[in-house]
Amino acid sequence: MNQLRDPFIGSEALACGAVSRHQLRTRYRAVFPGVYAQKLSPLSLHERIVAAWLWSGRRATIAGLAAAALHGAKWIDDDVVVDLIYANPKPPPGIRTRRAVLLDGERQVVRGRAVTSPARTAFDLGREGRVDAAVERLDALVRATALGLGDVADLARHHPGVRGLRQLETAVDLVDSGAESPKETWLRLLIMRAGLPRPRTQIPVLGPDGAPFAFLDMGWENCMVAMEYDGEHHQTSRWVYTKDIRRAEKIDAAGWLVVRVVREDHPVDIVRRVRHARALRSASVL
């Protein structure tokens, strides 16, 4: 008998003869009550979402970060709690349930499972936690989908009085689908809160033939000052490191002044360096 690879409901597998009781006990483990998976294999986020949905008897609507992940959003940890819109007030650890009114169009089917629509997912995520974390989540969701921010505002108008609407409005105003990582979102918000103009993201740098050879994380084209966040992969891979050097030389030759940011940089120092770069450019045109 073949090993069942995806999470499954134990009683159903027993009923159809896919497993015996001995196999269920020895080869599989209970992920959630009544839902099993292979004993030795760690579960991915997608598999945990499937297991949580099966725990609901296939009746729940997947929501929150789990829904965002199913819509293709990145930077979501495998161990996040799976949110379900489901009328069971006592979920097992790893699942969070809540009641919510879903209007027409706020739910869709993804891979055979009910999931909140991208707009409804953004509506929920934008009202939770800190504003900066909400913007990070929305940046990733908007980047992964064709969601328009106007769709989120339209949806919010149909839910007057719901908790967190003011934060949602703030978060949506700060969203930028050009962010390619949570750290880029963090850097953009840091600069804006320091009182500097909102930077444009993913700025193309054109070569002599007029075609872009690089895209800068963010910056201002009027003064040709940019900021780039260098993650650890830039330092751990010799190939990436070498490529970055050649890329930086070409960007410098194109006239851009780039402030490079790494994890160890202090926010105050980052802002100071960016202000200094902008001041240098302003002085150079006087």
C-alpha atoms as a PDB file:
ATOM      1  CA  MET A   1       0.000   0.000   0.000  1.00  0.00           C
ATOM      2  CA  ASN A   2       1.397   3.420  -0.985  1.00  0.00           C
ATOM      3  CA  GLN A   3       2.196   6.004   1.645  1.00  0.00           C
ATOM      4  CA  LEU A   4      -0.325   8.856   1.733  1.00  0.00           C
ATOM      5  CA  ARG A   5       1.702  12.005   1.158  1.00  0.00           C
ATOM      6  CA  ASP A   6      -0.835  14.795   1.689  1.00  0.00           C
ATOM      7  CA  PRO A   7      -2.682  15.455   4.958  1.00  0.00           C
ATOM      8  CA  PHE A   8      -5.887  13.436   5.190  1.00  0.00           C
ATOM      9  CA  ILE A   9      -8.855  12.760   7.447  1.00  0.00           C
ATOM     10  CA  GLY A  10      -8.148   9.536   9.266  1.00  0.00           C
ATOM     11  CA  SER A  11     -11.705   8.221   9.384  1.00  0.00           C
ATOM     12  CA  GLU A  12     -12.100   8.703   5.634  1.00  0.00           C
ATOM     13  CA  ALA A  13      -8.843   6.893   4.862  1.00  0.00           C
ATOM     14  CA  LEU A  14      -9.896   3.986   7.087  1.00  0.00           C
ATOM     15  CA  ALA A  15     -13.358   3.819   5.546  1.00  0.00           C
ATOM     16  CA  CYS A  16     -12.063   3.560   1.976  1.00  0.00           C
ATOM     17  CA  GLY A  17      -9.268   1.152   2.875  1.00  0.00           C
ATOM     18  CA  ALA A  18      -6.420   3.552   2.052  1.00  0.00           C
ATOM     19  CA  VAL A  19      -4.816   2.721   5.411  1.00  0.00           C
ATOM     20  CA  SER A  20      -5.284   0.173   8.166  1.00  0.00           C
ATOM     21  CA  ARG A  21      -5.545   1.133  11.824  1.00  0.00           C
ATOM     22  CA  HIS A  22      -2.068  -0.268  12.406  1.00  0.00           C
ATOM     23  CA  GLN A  23      -0.653   1.828   9.553  1.00  0.00           C
ATOM     24  CA  LEU A  24      -2.472   4.928  10.759  1.00  0.00           C
ATOM     25  CA  ARG A  25      -0.922   4.471  14.196  1.00  0.00           C
ATOM     26  CA  THR A  26       2.609   3.595  13.104  1.00  0.00           C
ATOM     27  CA  ARG A  27       3.220   5.528   9.880  1.00  0.00           C
ATOM     28  CA  TYR A  28       1.304   8.739  10.512  1.00  0.00           C
ATOM     29  CA  ARG A  29       0.820  11.350  13.184  1.00  0.00           C
ATOM     30  CA  ALA A  30      -2.175  13.491  14.105  1.00  0.00           C
ATOM     31  CA  VAL A  31      -1.547  17.046  12.909  1.00  0.00           C
ATOM     32  CA  PHE A  32      -4.906  18.250  14.187  1.00  0.00           C
ATOM     33  CA  PRO A  33      -7.696  16.176  15.744  1.00  0.00           C
ATOM     34  CA  GLY A  34      -8.746  13.602  13.169  1.00  0.00           C
ATOM     35  CA  VAL A  35      -6.269  14.854  10.540  1.00  0.00           C
ATOM     36  CA  TYR A  36      -3.083  12.930   9.823  1.00  0.00           C
ATOM     37  CA  ALA A  37       0.173  13.324   7.920  1.00  0.00           C
ATOM     38  CA  GLN A  38       3.348  11.299   7.461  1.00  0.00           C
ATOM     39  CA  LYS A  39       5.143  10.802  10.742  1.00  0.00           C
ATOM     40  CA  LEU A  40       8.671  11.811   9.748  1.00  0.00           C
ATOM     41  CA  SER A  41       8.083  14.562   7.166  1.00  0.00           C
ATOM     42  CA  PRO A  42       7.938  18.196   8.353  1.00  0.00           C
ATOM     43  CA  LEU A  43       4.848  19.996   7.073  1.00  0.00           C
ATOM     44  CA  SER A  44       5.084  22.967   4.749  1.00  0.00           C
ATOM     45  CA  LEU A  45       2.816  25.950   5.273  1.00  0.00           C
ATOM     46  CA  HIS A  46       0.598  24.777   2.412  1.00  0.00           C
ATOM     47  CA  GLU A  47       0.249  21.331   3.985  1.00  0.00           C
ATOM     48  CA  ARG A  48      -0.617  22.884   7.355  1.00  0.00           C
ATOM     49  CA  ILE A  49      -3.279  25.010   5.673  1.00  0.00           C
ATOM     50  CA  VAL A  50      -4.760  21.919   4.016  1.00  0.00           C
ATOM     51  CA  ALA A  51      -4.713  20.052   7.339  1.00  0.00           C
ATOM     52  CA  ALA A  52      -6.462  22.934   9.123  1.00  0.00           C
ATOM     53  CA  TRP A  53      -9.132  23.111   6.426  1.00  0.00           C
ATOM     54  CA  LEU A  54      -9.687  19.350   6.657  1.00  0.00           C
ATOM     55  CA  TRP A  55     -10.012  19.676  10.454  1.00  0.00           C
ATOM     56  CA  SER A  56     -13.012  21.961   9.810  1.00  0.00           C
ATOM     57  CA  GLY A  57     -14.639  19.210   7.800  1.00  0.00           C
ATOM     58  CA  ARG A  58     -13.958  21.234   4.644  1.00  0.00           C
ATOM     59  CA  ARG A  59     -16.457  23.838   5.835  1.00  0.00           C
ATOM     60  CA  ALA A  60     -14.141  26.725   6.791  1.00  0.00           C
ATOM     61  CA  THR A  61     -12.983  29.638   4.679  1.00  0.00           C
ATOM     62  CA  ILE A  62      -9.204  30.076   4.803  1.00  0.00           C
ATOM     63  CA  ALA A  63      -8.279  33.641   5.784  1.00  0.00           C
ATOM     64  CA  GLY A  64      -5.465  35.894   6.993  1.00  0.00           C
ATOM     65  CA  LEU A  65      -1.853  35.057   6.218  1.00  0.00           C
ATOM     66  CA  ALA A  66      -2.846  31.542   5.158  1.00  0.00           C
ATOM     67  CA  ALA A  67      -5.093  33.038   2.468  1.00  0.00           C
ATOM     68  CA  ALA A  68      -2.329  35.430   1.414  1.00  0.00           C
ATOM     69  CA  ALA A  69       0.038  32.486   1.010  1.00  0.00           C
ATOM     70  CA  LEU A  70      -2.469  30.651  -1.187  1.00  0.00           C
ATOM     71  CA  HIS A  71      -2.762  33.792  -3.316  1.00  0.00           C
ATOM     72  CA  GLY A  72       0.997  33.673  -3.849  1.00  0.00           C
ATOM     73  CA  ALA A  73       2.297  36.183  -1.288  1.00  0.00           C
ATOM     74  CA  LYS A  74       5.868  35.557  -0.142  1.00  0.00           C
ATOM     75  CA  TRP A  75       7.723  36.048   3.146  1.00  0.00           C
ATOM     76  CA  ILE A  76       5.212  34.122   5.253  1.00  0.00           C
ATOM     77  CA  ASP A  77       6.737  31.799   7.854  1.00  0.00           C
ATOM     78  CA  ASP A  78       5.838  28.114   7.694  1.00  0.00           C
ATOM     79  CA  ASP A  79       4.774  28.100  11.350  1.00  0.00           C
ATOM     80  CA  VAL A  80       2.224  30.928  11.277  1.00  0.00           C
ATOM     81  CA  VAL A  81      -1.150  30.231  12.835  1.00  0.00           C
ATOM     82  CA  VAL A  82      -3.705  29.235  10.194  1.00  0.00           C
ATOM     83  CA  ASP A  83      -6.720  31.568  10.262  1.00  0.00           C
ATOM     84  CA  LEU A  84     -10.108  30.078   9.475  1.00  0.00           C
ATOM     85  CA  ILE A  85     -13.481  31.742   9.258  1.00  0.00           C
ATOM     86  CA  TYR A  86     -15.364  28.985  11.000  1.00  0.00           C
ATOM     87  CA  ALA A  87     -17.883  28.830  13.825  1.00  0.00           C
ATOM     88  CA  ASN A  88     -15.879  26.660  16.208  1.00  0.00           C
ATOM     89  CA  PRO A  89     -14.666  28.629  19.252  1.00  0.00           C
ATOM     90  CA  LYS A  90     -12.210  25.952  20.432  1.00  0.00           C
ATOM     91  CA  PRO A  91      -9.651  25.239  17.690  1.00  0.00           C
ATOM     92  CA  PRO A  92      -6.542  23.173  18.388  1.00  0.00           C
ATOM     93  CA  PRO A  93      -3.106  24.833  18.691  1.00  0.00           C
ATOM     94  CA  GLY A  94      -1.930  26.118  15.322  1.00  0.00           C
ATOM     95  CA  ILE A  95      -5.399  27.172  14.183  1.00  0.00           C
ATOM     96  CA  ARG A  96      -7.279  30.381  14.949  1.00  0.00           C
ATOM     97  CA  THR A  97     -10.996  30.570  14.225  1.00  0.00           C
ATOM     98  CA  ARG A  98     -13.358  33.514  14.095  1.00  0.00           C
ATOM     99  CA  ARG A  99     -16.795  34.430  12.931  1.00  0.00           C
ATOM    100  CA  ALA A 100     -17.018  37.009  10.157  1.00  0.00           C
ATOM    101  CA  VAL A 101     -19.555  38.221   7.647  1.00  0.00           C
ATOM    102  CA  LEU A 102     -18.390  37.538   4.092  1.00  0.00           C
ATOM    103  CA  LEU A 103     -20.339  39.408   1.437  1.00  0.00           C
ATOM    104  CA  ASP A 104     -20.706  38.427  -2.200  1.00  0.00           C
ATOM    105  CA  GLY A 105     -17.347  38.364  -3.931  1.00  0.00           C
ATOM    106  CA  GLU A 106     -15.320  38.189  -0.714  1.00  0.00           C
ATOM    107  CA  ARG A 107     -14.707  34.474  -1.019  1.00  0.00           C
ATOM    108  CA  GLN A 108     -13.354  32.390  -3.887  1.00  0.00           C
ATOM    109  CA  VAL A 109     -12.164  28.857  -4.518  1.00  0.00           C
ATOM    110  CA  VAL A 110      -8.433  28.171  -4.721  1.00  0.00           C
ATOM    111  CA  ARG A 111      -7.346  24.580  -5.390  1.00  0.00           C
ATOM    112  CA  GLY A 112     -10.773  23.370  -4.397  1.00  0.00           C
ATOM    113  CA  ARG A 113     -10.862  25.222  -1.066  1.00  0.00           C
ATOM    114  CA  ALA A 114     -12.785  28.308   0.041  1.00  0.00           C
ATOM    115  CA  VAL A 115     -10.389  31.230   0.549  1.00  0.00           C
ATOM    116  CA  THR A 116     -11.003  34.916   1.199  1.00  0.00           C
ATOM    117  CA  SER A 117     -10.532  36.975  -1.961  1.00  0.00           C
ATOM    118  CA  PRO A 118      -7.369  39.086  -2.308  1.00  0.00           C
ATOM    119  CA  ALA A 119      -9.348  42.233  -1.430  1.00  0.00           C
ATOM    120  CA  ARG A 120     -10.947  40.625   1.622  1.00  0.00           C
ATOM    121  CA  THR A 121      -7.588  39.165   2.661  1.00  0.00           C
ATOM    122  CA  ALA A 122      -6.053  42.648   2.459  1.00  0.00           C
ATOM    123  CA  PHE A 123      -9.008  44.054   4.403  1.00  0.00           C
ATOM    124  CA  ASP A 124      -8.350  41.575   7.212  1.00  0.00           C
ATOM    125  CA  LEU A 125      -4.541  41.800   7.269  1.00  0.00           C
ATOM    126  CA  GLY A 126      -4.475  45.592   7.119  1.00  0.00           C
ATOM    127  CA  ARG A 127      -6.490  45.891  10.330  1.00  0.00           C
ATOM    128  CA  GLU A 128      -4.314  43.600  12.447  1.00  0.00           C
ATOM    129  CA  GLY A 129      -1.145  44.179  14.460  1.00  0.00           C
ATOM    130  CA  ARG A 130       1.170  47.141  13.996  1.00  0.00           C
ATOM    131  CA  VAL A 131       0.856  49.418  11.001  1.00  0.00           C
ATOM    132  CA  ASP A 132       4.353  48.595   9.736  1.00  0.00           C
ATOM    133  CA  ALA A 133       3.673  44.845   9.879  1.00  0.00           C
ATOM    134  CA  ALA A 134       0.359  45.385   8.102  1.00  0.00           C
ATOM    135  CA  VAL A 135       2.096  47.316   5.321  1.00  0.00           C
ATOM    136  CA  GLU A 136       4.663  44.511   4.921  1.00  0.00           C
ATOM    137  CA  ARG A 137       1.874  41.960   4.532  1.00  0.00           C
ATOM    138  CA  LEU A 138      -0.064  44.135   2.088  1.00  0.00           C
ATOM    139  CA  ASP A 139       3.041  44.924   0.024  1.00  0.00           C
ATOM    140  CA  ALA A 140       3.581  41.188  -0.455  1.00  0.00           C
ATOM    141  CA  LEU A 141      -0.069  40.487  -1.254  1.00  0.00           C
ATOM    142  CA  VAL A 142      -0.409  43.315  -3.774  1.00  0.00           C
ATOM    143  CA  ARG A 143       2.859  42.281  -5.429  1.00  0.00           C
ATOM    144  CA  ALA A 144       1.613  38.696  -5.812  1.00  0.00           C
ATOM    145  CA  THR A 145      -1.858  39.485  -7.148  1.00  0.00           C
ATOM    146  CA  ALA A 146      -3.684  41.854  -9.452  1.00  0.00           C
ATOM    147  CA  LEU A 147      -5.308  43.468  -6.435  1.00  0.00           C
ATOM    148  CA  GLY A 148      -6.015  47.167  -6.787  1.00  0.00           C
ATOM    149  CA  LEU A 149      -5.982  49.248  -3.611  1.00  0.00           C
ATOM    150  CA  GLY A 150      -9.247  50.827  -4.700  1.00  0.00           C
ATOM    151  CA  ASP A 151     -10.823  47.380  -4.385  1.00  0.00           C
ATOM    152  CA  VAL A 152      -9.847  47.287  -0.711  1.00  0.00           C
ATOM    153  CA  ALA A 153     -11.324  50.754  -0.105  1.00  0.00           C
ATOM    154  CA  ASP A 154     -14.558  49.739  -1.859  1.00  0.00           C
ATOM    155  CA  LEU A 155     -14.813  46.608   0.271  1.00  0.00           C
ATOM    156  CA  ALA A 156     -14.198  48.576   3.472  1.00  0.00           C
ATOM    157  CA  ARG A 157     -17.154  50.838   2.692  1.00  0.00           C
ATOM    158  CA  HIS A 158     -19.414  47.795   2.921  1.00  0.00           C
ATOM    159  CA  HIS A 159     -18.211  47.049   6.462  1.00  0.00           C
ATOM    160  CA  PRO A 160     -18.759  50.305   8.400  1.00  0.00           C
ATOM    161  CA  GLY A 161     -17.894  50.223  12.072  1.00  0.00           C
ATOM    162  CA  VAL A 162     -15.588  47.208  11.852  1.00  0.00           C
ATOM    163  CA  ARG A 163     -12.563  47.337  14.147  1.00  0.00           C
ATOM    164  CA  GLY A 164      -9.332  48.653  12.639  1.00  0.00           C
ATOM    165  CA  LEU A 165     -10.700  50.644   9.691  1.00  0.00           C
ATOM    166  CA  ARG A 166      -8.553  53.671  10.514  1.00  0.00           C
ATOM    167  CA  GLN A 167      -5.392  51.576  10.589  1.00  0.00           C
ATOM    168  CA  LEU A 168      -6.426  49.888   7.329  1.00  0.00           C
ATOM    169  CA  GLU A 169      -6.746  53.285   5.660  1.00  0.00           C
ATOM    170  CA  THR A 170      -3.284  54.283   6.904  1.00  0.00           C
ATOM    171  CA  ALA A 171      -1.712  51.001   5.813  1.00  0.00           C
ATOM    172  CA  VAL A 172      -3.277  51.038   2.348  1.00  0.00           C
ATOM    173  CA  ASP A 173      -1.973  54.562   1.765  1.00  0.00           C
ATOM    174  CA  LEU A 174       1.565  53.315   2.497  1.00  0.00           C
ATOM    175  CA  VAL A 175       1.459  50.189   0.314  1.00  0.00           C
ATOM    176  CA  ASP A 176       3.878  49.827  -2.580  1.00  0.00           C
ATOM    177  CA  SER A 177       3.974  46.661  -4.678  1.00  0.00           C
ATOM    178  CA  GLY A 178       7.563  47.459  -5.691  1.00  0.00           C
ATOM    179  CA  ALA A 179       8.899  46.185  -2.366  1.00  0.00           C
ATOM    180  CA  GLU A 180      10.744  42.916  -2.964  1.00  0.00           C
ATOM    181  CA  SER A 181      11.271  42.038   0.702  1.00  0.00           C
ATOM    182  CA  PRO A 182       9.994  43.019   4.160  1.00  0.00           C
ATOM    183  CA  LYS A 183      13.278  44.863   4.741  1.00  0.00           C
ATOM    184  CA  GLU A 184      12.655  47.039   1.689  1.00  0.00           C
ATOM    185  CA  THR A 185       9.238  47.891   3.114  1.00  0.00           C
ATOM    186  CA  TRP A 186      10.873  48.713   6.446  1.00  0.00           C
ATOM    187  CA  LEU A 187      13.448  50.957   4.769  1.00  0.00           C
ATOM    188  CA  ARG A 188      10.822  52.813   2.744  1.00  0.00           C
ATOM    189  CA  LEU A 189       8.698  53.495   5.831  1.00  0.00           C
ATOM    190  CA  LEU A 190      11.751  54.596   7.832  1.00  0.00           C
ATOM    191  CA  ILE A 191      12.652  57.191   5.211  1.00  0.00           C
ATOM    192  CA  MET A 192       9.108  58.497   4.891  1.00  0.00           C
ATOM    193  CA  ARG A 193       8.670  58.814   8.655  1.00  0.00           C
ATOM    194  CA  ALA A 194      11.876  60.815   8.783  1.00  0.00           C
ATOM    195  CA  GLY A 195      10.104  63.460   6.722  1.00  0.00           C
ATOM    196  CA  LEU A 196      11.754  62.730   3.391  1.00  0.00           C
ATOM    197  CA  PRO A 197       9.672  62.559   0.202  1.00  0.00           C
ATOM    198  CA  ARG A 198       8.107  59.229  -0.642  1.00  0.00           C
ATOM    199  CA  PRO A 199      10.616  57.338  -2.809  1.00  0.00           C
ATOM    200  CA  ARG A 200       9.722  55.586  -6.015  1.00  0.00           C
ATOM    201  CA  THR A 201      10.419  51.849  -6.030  1.00  0.00           C
ATOM    202  CA  GLN A 202      12.023  49.651  -8.682  1.00  0.00           C
ATOM    203  CA  ILE A 203      13.589  52.531 -10.620  1.00  0.00           C
ATOM    204  CA  PRO A 204      15.028  51.407 -13.975  1.00  0.00           C
ATOM    205  CA  VAL A 205      18.617  52.385 -14.757  1.00  0.00           C
ATOM    206  CA  LEU A 206      19.100  52.649 -18.507  1.00  0.00           C
ATOM    207  CA  GLY A 207      22.191  51.624 -20.428  1.00  0.00           C
ATOM    208  CA  PRO A 208      23.598  53.314 -23.559  1.00  0.00           C
ATOM    209  CA  ASP A 209      21.108  51.381 -25.703  1.00  0.00           C
ATOM    210  CA  GLY A 210      18.156  52.752 -23.726  1.00  0.00           C
ATOM    211  CA  ALA A 211      17.308  49.395 -22.170  1.00  0.00           C
ATOM    212  CA  PRO A 212      17.319  48.959 -18.365  1.00  0.00           C
ATOM    213  CA  PHE A 213      20.253  46.952 -17.015  1.00  0.00           C
ATOM    214  CA  ALA A 214      19.281  47.343 -13.333  1.00  0.00           C
ATOM    215  CA  PHE A 215      16.368  48.285 -11.102  1.00  0.00           C
ATOM    216  CA  LEU A 216      17.079  50.248  -7.934  1.00  0.00           C
ATOM    217  CA  ASP A 217      15.138  49.323  -4.788  1.00  0.00           C
ATOM    218  CA  MET A 218      13.915  52.868  -4.227  1.00  0.00           C
ATOM    219  CA  GLY A 219      14.948  56.481  -4.613  1.00  0.00           C
ATOM    220  CA  TRP A 220      14.324  59.843  -6.225  1.00  0.00           C
ATOM    221  CA  GLU A 221      14.903  60.368  -9.924  1.00  0.00           C
ATOM    222  CA  ASN A 222      14.938  64.165  -9.681  1.00  0.00           C
ATOM    223  CA  CYS A 223      18.183  64.101  -7.674  1.00  0.00           C
ATOM    224  CA  MET A 224      19.362  60.612  -8.725  1.00  0.00           C
ATOM    225  CA  VAL A 225      19.765  59.367  -5.153  1.00  0.00           C
ATOM    226  CA  ALA A 226      18.759  55.785  -4.417  1.00  0.00           C
ATOM    227  CA  MET A 227      18.701  53.331  -1.518  1.00  0.00           C
ATOM    228  CA  GLU A 228      19.265  49.606  -1.730  1.00  0.00           C
ATOM    229  CA  TYR A 229      18.909  47.029   1.012  1.00  0.00           C
ATOM    230  CA  ASP A 230      21.579  44.342   0.713  1.00  0.00           C
ATOM    231  CA  GLY A 231      20.418  41.066   2.259  1.00  0.00           C
ATOM    232  CA  GLU A 232      22.724  38.334   3.518  1.00  0.00           C
ATOM    233  CA  HIS A 233      22.693  36.501   0.186  1.00  0.00           C
ATOM    234  CA  HIS A 234      24.682  39.390  -1.256  1.00  0.00           C
ATOM    235  CA  GLN A 235      27.508  38.556   1.154  1.00  0.00           C
ATOM    236  CA  THR A 236      27.388  34.761   1.360  1.00  0.00           C
ATOM    237  CA  SER A 237      27.529  34.055  -2.374  1.00  0.00           C
ATOM    238  CA  ARG A 238      30.789  34.925  -4.106  1.00  0.00           C
ATOM    239  CA  TRP A 239      29.035  34.932  -7.478  1.00  0.00           C
ATOM    240  CA  VAL A 240      26.381  37.402  -6.237  1.00  0.00           C
ATOM    241  CA  TYR A 241      29.059  39.533  -4.577  1.00  0.00           C
ATOM    242  CA  THR A 242      31.064  39.779  -7.798  1.00  0.00           C
ATOM    243  CA  LYS A 243      27.973  40.503  -9.850  1.00  0.00           C
ATOM    244  CA  ASP A 244      26.948  43.245  -7.393  1.00  0.00           C
ATOM    245  CA  ILE A 245      30.315  44.977  -7.769  1.00  0.00           C
ATOM    246  CA  ARG A 246      30.007  45.141 -11.557  1.00  0.00           C
ATOM    247  CA  ARG A 247      26.401  46.277 -11.282  1.00  0.00           C
ATOM    248  CA  ALA A 248      27.326  49.028  -8.782  1.00  0.00           C
ATOM    249  CA  GLU A 249      30.074  50.323 -11.091  1.00  0.00           C
ATOM    250  CA  LYS A 250      27.622  50.637 -13.972  1.00  0.00           C
ATOM    251  CA  ILE A 251      25.038  52.374 -11.767  1.00  0.00           C
ATOM    252  CA  ASP A 252      27.650  54.857 -10.544  1.00  0.00           C
ATOM    253  CA  ALA A 253      28.671  55.533 -14.140  1.00  0.00           C
ATOM    254  CA  ALA A 254      25.029  56.229 -14.980  1.00  0.00           C
ATOM    255  CA  GLY A 255      25.091  59.083 -12.462  1.00  0.00           C
ATOM    256  CA  TRP A 256      23.301  57.552  -9.489  1.00  0.00           C
ATOM    257  CA  LEU A 257      24.399  58.068  -5.878  1.00  0.00           C
ATOM    258  CA  VAL A 258      23.373  54.921  -3.997  1.00  0.00           C
ATOM    259  CA  VAL A 259      23.093  54.542  -0.217  1.00  0.00           C
ATOM    260  CA  ARG A 260      23.531  50.858   0.592  1.00  0.00           C
ATOM    261  CA  VAL A 261      21.881  49.528   3.734  1.00  0.00           C
ATOM    262  CA  VAL A 262      22.631  46.308   5.613  1.00  0.00           C
ATOM    263  CA  ARG A 263      21.066  44.711   8.663  1.00  0.00           C
ATOM    264  CA  GLU A 264      23.669  46.118  11.075  1.00  0.00           C
ATOM    265  CA  ASP A 265      22.962  49.760  10.146  1.00  0.00           C
ATOM    266  CA  HIS A 266      21.217  51.864  12.787  1.00  0.00           C
ATOM    267  CA  PRO A 267      18.043  53.663  11.619  1.00  0.00           C
ATOM    268  CA  VAL A 268      19.356  57.063  12.720  1.00  0.00           C
ATOM    269  CA  ASP A 269      22.542  56.542  10.727  1.00  0.00           C
ATOM    270  CA  ILE A 270      20.598  55.415   7.666  1.00  0.00           C
ATOM    271  CA  VAL A 271      18.488  58.570   7.688  1.00  0.00           C
ATOM    272  CA  ARG A 272      21.592  60.717   8.188  1.00  0.00           C
ATOM    273  CA  ARG A 273      23.350  59.105   5.229  1.00  0.00           C
ATOM    274  CA  VAL A 274      20.326  59.518   2.971  1.00  0.00           C
ATOM    275  CA  ARG A 275      19.922  63.171   3.940  1.00  0.00           C
ATOM    276  CA  HIS A 276      23.617  63.724   3.285  1.00  0.00           C
ATOM    277  CA  ALA A 277      23.385  62.117  -0.152  1.00  0.00           C
ATOM    278  CA  ARG A 278      20.411  64.273  -1.098  1.00  0.00           C
ATOM    279  CA  ALA A 279      22.185  67.385   0.191  1.00  0.00           C
ATOM    280  CA  LEU A 280      25.264  66.564  -1.904  1.00  0.00           C
ATOM    281  CA  ARG A 281      23.143  66.299  -4.995  1.00  0.00           C
ATOM    282  CA  SER A 282      21.264  69.497  -4.218  1.00  0.00           C
ATOM    283  CA  ALA A 283      24.560  71.347  -3.746  1.00  0.00           C
ATOM    284  CA  SER A 284      25.973  69.963  -6.992  1.00  0.00           C
ATOM    285  CA  VAL A 285      23.215  71.587  -9.077  1.00  0.00           C
ATOM    286  CA  LEU A 286      23.578  75.047  -7.504  1.00  0.00           C
END
